[in-house]
């Protein structure tokens, strides 16, 4: 059976640069950092005191006051991004079959603030004082479930949690439901709400976070002096739609989903296979799934977190696959500007990919002053935005546990 084609007809986000995709990308193009000190948490005992936090967002913008007070931020982030994606897709909800509209929005950690608060309540006040909302608002499937309740979508709905590869895994799964004819429309993406003591404490204990000292300069992928990633947060949700369904209603088509693939390093809990062999296999299989060859790719949005092993593993994988055509490919690192939103990272980075395709401009990789020698011959858009026509692109995401997921997208052409 021939697979149905999948296009992207809307996107919405909640980020450290707000909720307007154009404003978000404008900040990226200008090389602005969304990282700053966190003033409302007592981080005095930790070596890291900064993150890329969502600013100016009120849960009450999408939830009733009582629920907004009880819930974890990952839920209203998802609802806000999902509603905005639908609005931008110009989809008339009254005209669609909602049994063929589904949602796969993943999160790496889920409602960790609600979890932490209830553990604190249990210790301080007793186990019988735990909130009845503790379980529902902390489990990872609830952001997508609540969005479905908000919209009445009754198609495939579940969450995927593969650490920092979550968003890409979610988009691949959503596209497959459309390709196989299970759904006409899928909302998909990722979310994370990490700016809390538990996340800071856990990642500091793991020695995974940068120590700074200057927040805006701390996230420095591929720089010799990188010392760990910077926490970020937020959500991005996309409307994936079967091509004929989109054309019939005259939908705005942002790009075409071409393919994706997932592999596992099966190597280490937190570090990738150093030679990049499994990442390279994942990229090769994603291209194969999308009917693309390496010489067609114009742009790679790299995972590039600022970790010593991970950054170079990805570079080695890129060389294995794109070596002969690297002179025409550009690579950049969105996390240098917005930090690492863990399960939400790949979705926020897909916004950057789609905006690059639309504008013909690539945002810079910032804070890269002393590049690793292995970067030689790879244009990582160092320091300043560049004009670059993007027809075909891939976005890489890799997570703790050795999870790899690569998504390929193309400029839409009715007859490709």
Protein backbone atom coordinates (compact mmCIF):
# COMPACT_ATOMS: atom_id res chain seq x y z
CA UNK A 1 0.00 0.00 0.00
CA UNK A 2 1.34 3.39 -0.98
CA UNK A 3 1.88 5.66 2.00
CA UNK A 4 -0.17 8.83 2.12
CA UNK A 5 1.73 12.12 2.00
CA UNK A 6 1.85 14.26 5.14
CA UNK A 7 2.09 18.04 5.22
CA UNK A 8 2.48 20.52 8.06
CA UNK A 9 -0.27 23.13 8.04
CA UNK A 10 0.11 24.93 11.36
CA UNK A 11 2.44 25.50 14.28
CA UNK A 12 2.18 27.03 17.72
CA UNK A 13 4.64 27.42 20.55
CA UNK A 14 5.33 28.63 24.06
CA UNK A 15 8.97 29.64 24.52
CA UNK A 16 11.48 31.87 26.25
CA UNK A 17 10.86 34.28 23.35
CA UNK A 18 7.08 34.22 23.63
CA UNK A 19 4.32 32.50 21.69
CA UNK A 20 4.57 34.07 18.23
CA UNK A 21 6.62 31.94 15.80
CA UNK A 22 7.70 35.06 13.88
CA UNK A 23 8.90 36.82 17.05
CA UNK A 24 10.58 33.62 18.21
CA UNK A 25 12.51 33.34 14.97
CA UNK A 26 13.32 37.05 14.87
CA UNK A 27 15.09 36.64 18.21
CA UNK A 28 16.96 33.61 16.90
CA UNK A 29 18.07 35.46 13.76
CA UNK A 30 19.30 38.37 15.86
CA UNK A 31 21.37 35.99 17.99
CA UNK A 32 19.57 36.86 21.21
CA UNK A 33 19.96 34.51 24.15
CA UNK A 34 16.89 33.49 26.14
CA UNK A 35 19.01 32.40 29.10
CA UNK A 36 19.01 34.32 32.39
CA UNK A 37 19.34 33.95 36.15
CA UNK A 38 16.43 32.31 37.98
CA UNK A 39 15.48 34.62 40.86
CA UNK A 40 12.46 32.89 42.43
CA UNK A 41 14.09 29.55 43.32
CA UNK A 42 16.66 29.04 46.05
CA UNK A 43 19.54 27.65 44.01
CA UNK A 44 22.23 28.82 46.43
CA UNK A 45 23.49 25.27 47.07
CA UNK A 46 23.79 24.45 43.36
CA UNK A 47 26.51 25.33 40.88
CA UNK A 48 23.99 26.40 38.20
CA UNK A 49 21.55 29.26 38.76
CA UNK A 50 20.27 30.09 35.27
CA UNK A 51 18.03 28.69 32.56
CA UNK A 52 16.02 29.65 29.48
CA UNK A 53 12.65 30.20 31.08
CA UNK A 54 9.25 30.80 29.49
CA UNK A 55 8.31 34.39 30.24
CA UNK A 56 4.99 36.20 30.30
CA UNK A 57 2.81 33.10 30.15
CA UNK A 58 -0.27 32.71 32.34
CA UNK A 59 -1.94 29.28 32.72
CA UNK A 60 -5.20 31.18 33.17
CA UNK A 61 -5.00 32.16 29.50
CA UNK A 62 -6.13 28.62 28.64
CA UNK A 63 -7.48 27.13 31.87
CA UNK A 64 -10.04 28.16 34.49
CA UNK A 65 -8.48 29.79 37.54
CA UNK A 66 -8.94 26.84 39.89
CA UNK A 67 -7.46 24.32 37.47
CA UNK A 68 -4.64 26.66 36.51
CA UNK A 69 -3.61 26.79 40.16
CA UNK A 70 -3.53 23.00 40.54
CA UNK A 71 -1.98 21.87 37.30
CA UNK A 72 1.59 21.47 36.12
CA UNK A 73 2.75 24.00 33.54
CA UNK A 74 3.39 21.31 30.93
CA UNK A 75 -0.38 21.02 30.46
CA UNK A 76 -1.29 24.69 29.77
CA UNK A 77 1.87 25.05 27.65
CA UNK A 78 0.57 22.23 25.45
CA UNK A 79 -2.99 23.53 25.24
CA UNK A 80 -1.81 27.03 24.34
CA UNK A 81 0.58 25.78 21.65
CA UNK A 82 -2.01 23.35 20.27
CA UNK A 83 -4.76 25.97 20.04
CA UNK A 84 -2.42 28.39 18.30
CA UNK A 85 -1.26 25.75 15.82
CA UNK A 86 -4.86 25.01 14.89
CA UNK A 87 -5.69 28.71 14.53
CA UNK A 88 -2.71 29.22 12.23
CA UNK A 89 -3.73 26.19 10.17
CA UNK A 90 -7.15 27.81 9.57
CA UNK A 91 -8.80 24.50 10.40
CA UNK A 92 -12.56 24.69 10.98
CA UNK A 93 -13.12 22.20 13.80
CA UNK A 94 -16.83 21.98 13.01
CA UNK A 95 -16.10 20.64 9.52
CA UNK A 96 -13.80 17.71 10.35
CA UNK A 97 -14.34 14.13 11.49
CA UNK A 98 -12.92 14.26 15.01
CA UNK A 99 -12.65 10.48 15.19
CA UNK A 100 -9.92 10.90 12.55
CA UNK A 101 -8.09 13.66 14.41
CA UNK A 102 -5.51 12.57 16.97
CA UNK A 103 -2.77 13.91 19.23
CA UNK A 104 0.73 12.72 20.08
CA UNK A 105 2.51 15.27 22.23
CA UNK A 106 5.38 13.85 24.23
CA UNK A 107 7.25 14.97 27.32
CA UNK A 108 10.46 13.65 28.77
CA UNK A 109 9.65 14.32 32.42
CA UNK A 110 6.00 15.34 32.60
CA UNK A 111 4.44 17.06 35.60
CA UNK A 112 7.53 17.09 37.76
CA UNK A 113 6.54 20.24 39.71
CA UNK A 114 3.25 18.65 40.78
CA UNK A 115 5.14 15.47 41.66
CA UNK A 116 7.70 17.36 43.75
CA UNK A 117 5.11 19.46 45.57
CA UNK A 118 3.12 16.40 46.57
CA UNK A 119 6.17 14.53 47.81
CA UNK A 120 6.96 17.60 49.91
CA UNK A 121 3.38 17.64 51.24
CA UNK A 122 3.60 13.95 52.12
CA UNK A 123 6.85 14.42 54.06
CA UNK A 124 5.77 17.57 55.87
CA UNK A 125 2.05 16.98 56.46
CA UNK A 126 1.42 13.27 56.01
CA UNK A 127 0.50 10.86 53.26
CA UNK A 128 -3.21 11.55 53.65
CA UNK A 129 -2.66 15.15 52.54
CA UNK A 130 -1.56 14.25 49.01
CA UNK A 131 -3.69 16.02 46.40
CA UNK A 132 -6.20 13.94 44.41
CA UNK A 133 -4.73 15.73 41.36
CA UNK A 134 -1.22 14.44 42.08
CA UNK A 135 -1.34 11.45 39.72
CA UNK A 136 -3.41 12.94 36.87
CA UNK A 137 -1.32 16.11 36.65
CA UNK A 138 2.07 14.41 36.87
CA UNK A 139 1.74 11.56 34.36
CA UNK A 140 3.24 12.11 30.93
CA UNK A 141 0.13 11.39 28.84
CA UNK A 142 -1.94 14.18 30.39
CA UNK A 143 -0.78 17.16 28.24
CA UNK A 144 -2.03 15.44 25.08
CA UNK A 145 -5.10 14.06 26.83
CA UNK A 146 -6.14 17.49 28.11
CA UNK A 147 -5.61 18.99 24.67
CA UNK A 148 -7.87 16.31 23.22
CA UNK A 149 -10.54 17.12 25.80
CA UNK A 150 -10.21 20.79 24.90
CA UNK A 151 -10.72 20.08 21.19
CA UNK A 152 -12.82 16.92 21.16
CA UNK A 153 -10.24 14.99 19.13
CA UNK A 154 -10.98 11.24 19.38
CA UNK A 155 -8.33 9.75 17.12
CA UNK A 156 -5.03 8.13 18.18
CA UNK A 157 -3.78 9.76 21.37
CA UNK A 158 -0.83 8.72 23.50
CA UNK A 159 2.45 10.10 24.80
CA UNK A 160 6.00 9.11 23.99
CA UNK A 161 8.81 9.67 26.46
CA UNK A 162 12.35 9.16 25.18
CA UNK A 163 14.15 11.91 27.08
CA UNK A 164 15.56 14.53 24.71
CA UNK A 165 14.48 12.61 21.59
CA UNK A 166 10.80 12.74 22.62
CA UNK A 167 9.53 15.40 20.22
CA UNK A 168 11.03 13.78 17.14
CA UNK A 169 9.74 10.35 18.14
CA UNK A 170 6.29 11.91 18.60
CA UNK A 171 6.31 13.56 15.17
CA UNK A 172 7.43 10.33 13.49
CA UNK A 173 4.65 8.37 15.20
CA UNK A 174 2.02 10.98 14.34
CA UNK A 175 3.04 11.02 10.69
CA UNK A 176 2.81 7.23 10.52
CA UNK A 177 -0.82 7.30 11.66
CA UNK A 178 -1.62 9.56 8.70
CA UNK A 179 0.58 7.62 6.27
CA UNK A 180 -1.20 4.39 7.20
CA UNK A 181 -4.66 5.94 6.86
CA UNK A 182 -5.56 5.90 10.56
CA UNK A 183 -6.11 9.67 10.75
CA UNK A 184 -6.50 12.76 8.59
CA UNK A 185 -5.07 15.18 11.15
CA UNK A 186 -2.59 14.72 13.99
CA UNK A 187 -1.45 17.37 16.44
CA UNK A 188 2.08 16.53 17.47
CA UNK A 189 5.16 17.92 19.15
CA UNK A 190 6.67 18.09 22.60
CA UNK A 191 6.59 19.93 25.89
CA UNK A 192 8.66 20.35 29.03
CA UNK A 193 8.30 22.49 32.16
CA UNK A 194 11.64 22.09 33.92
CA UNK A 195 12.34 25.26 35.85
CA UNK A 196 12.00 23.82 39.34
CA UNK A 197 14.27 22.64 42.14
CA UNK A 198 13.94 18.96 41.32
CA UNK A 199 15.20 19.37 37.74
CA UNK A 200 17.98 21.73 38.74
CA UNK A 201 19.04 19.46 41.60
CA UNK A 202 18.90 16.30 39.53
CA UNK A 203 20.84 17.61 36.56
CA UNK A 204 23.41 19.32 38.81
CA UNK A 205 23.93 16.02 40.65
CA UNK A 206 24.50 14.42 37.26
CA UNK A 207 27.05 17.16 36.49
CA UNK A 208 25.22 17.75 33.21
CA UNK A 209 24.58 21.49 33.48
CA UNK A 210 26.92 24.31 32.54
CA UNK A 211 28.39 26.29 35.43
CA UNK A 212 28.46 29.53 33.44
CA UNK A 213 29.30 31.96 34.90
CA UNK A 214 27.63 34.31 32.37
CA UNK A 215 24.14 32.93 31.64
CA UNK A 216 23.81 34.22 28.07
CA UNK A 217 27.20 32.73 27.16
CA UNK A 218 26.83 29.36 28.90
CA UNK A 219 25.26 27.33 26.09
CA UNK A 220 28.14 26.91 23.66
CA UNK A 221 27.82 23.90 21.37
CA UNK A 222 31.06 22.67 19.77
CA UNK A 223 33.18 25.17 21.70
CA UNK A 224 36.34 23.75 23.28
CA UNK A 225 35.33 25.27 26.64
CA UNK A 226 31.77 23.90 26.73
CA UNK A 227 30.95 22.37 30.08
CA UNK A 228 27.38 21.12 29.86
CA UNK A 229 23.94 22.16 28.69
CA UNK A 230 21.58 24.90 29.87
CA UNK A 231 18.07 23.98 30.95
CA UNK A 232 15.26 25.32 28.80
CA UNK A 233 11.53 24.75 28.68
CA UNK A 234 8.44 25.29 26.56
CA UNK A 235 6.28 23.57 23.99
CA UNK A 236 5.71 23.44 20.25
CA UNK A 237 2.80 21.73 18.53
CA UNK A 238 2.25 21.17 14.81
CA UNK A 239 -0.73 20.30 12.67
CA UNK A 240 0.24 17.28 10.57
CA UNK A 241 -2.33 16.65 7.85
CA UNK A 242 -2.92 14.20 5.02
CA UNK A 243 -2.11 16.03 1.79
CA UNK A 244 -5.44 15.62 0.01
CA UNK A 245 -7.32 16.64 3.16
CA UNK A 246 -5.20 19.81 3.36
CA UNK A 247 -5.54 20.65 -0.34
CA UNK A 248 -9.29 20.14 -0.28
CA UNK A 249 -9.75 22.79 2.40
CA UNK A 250 -7.15 25.17 0.98
CA UNK A 251 -4.88 24.89 4.00
CA UNK A 252 -1.67 26.90 4.31
CA UNK A 253 1.12 24.34 3.78
CA UNK A 254 4.30 25.18 5.66
CA UNK A 255 6.29 22.13 4.57
CA UNK A 256 6.02 18.44 3.84
CA UNK A 257 7.02 15.79 6.34
CA UNK A 258 9.23 13.47 4.28
CA UNK A 259 10.33 10.82 6.73
CA UNK A 260 11.88 9.86 10.01
CA UNK A 261 13.61 7.07 11.83
CA UNK A 262 14.58 5.98 15.33
CA UNK A 263 17.48 3.89 16.59
CA UNK A 264 19.15 3.14 19.91
CA UNK A 265 22.85 3.22 20.74
CA UNK A 266 22.43 0.50 23.41
CA UNK A 267 25.66 1.85 24.86
CA UNK A 268 25.36 4.02 28.00
CA UNK A 269 22.67 5.73 30.08
CA UNK A 270 23.80 9.29 29.40
CA UNK A 271 26.49 9.18 26.70
CA UNK A 272 26.19 8.29 23.01
CA UNK A 273 28.45 5.91 21.14
CA UNK A 274 31.47 8.20 20.59
CA UNK A 275 32.05 7.34 16.93
CA UNK A 276 28.52 8.42 15.98
CA UNK A 277 27.80 5.18 14.13
CA UNK A 278 24.24 4.75 15.43
CA UNK A 279 23.42 8.41 14.89
CA UNK A 280 24.71 8.05 11.34
CA UNK A 281 22.52 4.99 10.78
CA UNK A 282 19.51 6.89 12.09
CA UNK A 283 20.15 9.78 9.70
CA UNK A 284 20.63 7.41 6.75
CA UNK A 285 17.40 5.55 7.50
CA UNK A 286 15.43 8.79 7.95
CA UNK A 287 16.60 9.94 4.52
CA UNK A 288 15.71 6.57 3.03
CA UNK A 289 12.24 6.72 4.59
CA UNK A 290 11.75 10.16 3.06
CA UNK A 291 12.99 9.20 -0.40
CA UNK A 292 15.86 11.67 -0.08
CA UNK A 293 19.56 11.35 -0.77
CA UNK A 294 22.32 13.02 1.27
CA UNK A 295 23.17 15.37 -1.61
CA UNK A 296 19.64 16.85 -1.47
CA UNK A 297 19.92 18.10 2.11
CA UNK A 298 20.59 21.83 2.46
CA UNK A 299 20.34 22.27 6.22
CA UNK A 300 20.78 20.30 9.43
CA UNK A 301 19.36 21.53 12.72
CA UNK A 302 21.74 19.79 15.09
CA UNK A 303 20.99 18.32 18.50
CA UNK A 304 24.19 20.04 19.74
CA UNK A 305 23.60 20.42 23.47
CA UNK A 306 27.07 21.65 24.60
CA UNK A 307 28.07 18.33 26.14
CA UNK A 308 31.65 17.15 25.58
CA UNK A 309 30.91 13.74 24.03
CA UNK A 310 27.52 14.36 22.44
CA UNK A 311 28.52 17.34 20.31
CA UNK A 312 31.35 15.53 18.58
CA UNK A 313 29.45 12.27 18.22
CA UNK A 314 26.94 14.16 16.07
CA UNK A 315 29.67 15.85 14.03
CA UNK A 316 31.21 12.45 13.27
CA UNK A 317 27.83 11.10 12.20
CA UNK A 318 27.25 14.08 9.91
CA UNK A 319 30.64 13.52 8.27
CA UNK A 320 29.87 9.82 7.72
CA UNK A 321 26.63 10.58 5.87
CA UNK A 322 27.25 13.95 4.20
CA UNK A 323 31.04 14.02 3.76
CA UNK A 324 31.15 14.61 -0.03
CA UNK A 325 28.43 17.31 0.08
CA UNK A 326 29.27 19.12 3.32
CA UNK A 327 30.44 22.18 1.39
CA UNK A 328 26.83 23.01 0.45
CA UNK A 329 25.16 22.11 3.76
CA UNK A 330 24.76 24.44 6.71
CA UNK A 331 24.37 23.25 10.28
CA UNK A 332 23.30 25.26 13.33
CA UNK A 333 22.52 24.80 17.02
CA UNK A 334 19.26 26.30 18.27
CA UNK A 335 20.10 25.28 21.84
CA UNK A 336 22.88 27.88 21.90
CA UNK A 337 20.07 30.47 22.06
CA UNK A 338 17.17 28.82 23.91
CA UNK A 339 18.87 26.17 26.01
CA UNK A 340 17.81 22.54 26.09
CA UNK A 341 14.07 21.95 26.57
CA UNK A 342 14.60 18.20 26.90
CA UNK A 343 11.43 16.47 25.64
CA UNK A 344 10.27 19.72 24.06
CA UNK A 345 13.58 20.51 22.34
CA UNK A 346 12.99 18.82 19.00
CA UNK A 347 9.62 20.51 18.58
CA UNK A 348 10.97 23.99 19.31
CA UNK A 349 13.80 23.28 16.88
CA UNK A 350 11.32 22.20 14.20
CA UNK A 351 9.83 25.70 14.44
CA UNK A 352 13.30 27.02 13.59
CA UNK A 353 13.55 24.60 10.64
CA UNK A 354 10.17 25.62 9.20
CA UNK A 355 10.93 29.33 9.62
CA UNK A 356 14.32 28.86 7.93
CA UNK A 357 12.55 27.18 5.02
CA UNK A 358 10.07 30.06 4.83
CA UNK A 359 12.49 32.96 5.19
CA UNK A 360 15.65 31.67 3.53
CA UNK A 361 17.57 32.78 6.61
CA UNK A 362 19.43 30.61 9.11
CA UNK A 363 19.91 31.72 12.69
CA UNK A 364 23.44 31.79 14.07
CA UNK A 365 25.08 29.40 16.48
CA UNK A 366 26.15 31.76 19.28
CA UNK A 367 28.86 31.52 21.96
CA UNK A 368 31.14 29.56 19.64
CA UNK A 369 34.48 31.33 20.06
CA UNK A 370 36.93 28.41 20.10
CA UNK A 371 35.54 25.71 17.77
CA UNK A 372 36.57 22.09 18.11
CA UNK A 373 39.02 21.04 15.41
CA UNK A 374 36.61 18.39 14.14
CA UNK A 375 34.30 21.16 12.94
CA UNK A 376 36.71 22.12 10.18
CA UNK A 377 34.93 22.25 6.84
CA UNK A 378 31.43 22.35 8.39
CA UNK A 379 29.59 25.67 8.24
CA UNK A 380 27.83 25.98 11.61
CA UNK A 381 26.58 29.54 10.95
CA UNK A 382 28.97 30.88 13.55
CA UNK A 383 27.98 34.14 15.24
CA UNK A 384 25.80 35.73 12.55
CA UNK A 385 22.67 34.78 10.60
CA UNK A 386 23.11 33.76 6.97
CA UNK A 387 21.00 33.68 3.83
CA UNK A 388 20.52 30.11 2.67
CA UNK A 389 17.85 28.50 0.50
CA UNK A 390 16.42 25.51 2.37
CA UNK A 391 14.56 22.98 0.24
CA UNK A 392 15.26 19.86 2.26
CA UNK A 393 16.32 19.68 5.90
CA UNK A 394 16.76 17.27 8.76
CA UNK A 395 16.44 17.84 12.49
CA UNK A 396 18.37 15.60 14.89
CA UNK A 397 17.42 14.69 18.45
CA UNK A 398 19.16 12.28 20.80
CA UNK A 399 18.22 11.33 24.37
CA UNK A 400 19.52 9.72 27.53
CA UNK A 401 19.29 5.97 27.16
CA UNK A 402 20.78 6.11 23.68
CA UNK A 403 17.57 7.13 21.91
CA UNK A 404 18.07 8.68 18.45
CA UNK A 405 15.35 10.21 16.27
CA UNK A 406 15.78 12.13 13.01
CA UNK A 407 13.03 13.91 11.08
CA UNK A 408 13.29 15.04 7.44
CA UNK A 409 11.12 17.81 5.97
CA UNK A 410 10.96 19.48 2.55
CA UNK A 411 9.52 22.54 0.95
CA UNK A 412 6.13 21.51 -0.37
CA UNK A 413 5.87 20.68 -4.07
CA UNK A 414 2.68 19.05 -5.26
CA UNK A 415 4.68 16.79 -7.58
CA UNK A 416 8.00 16.02 -5.96
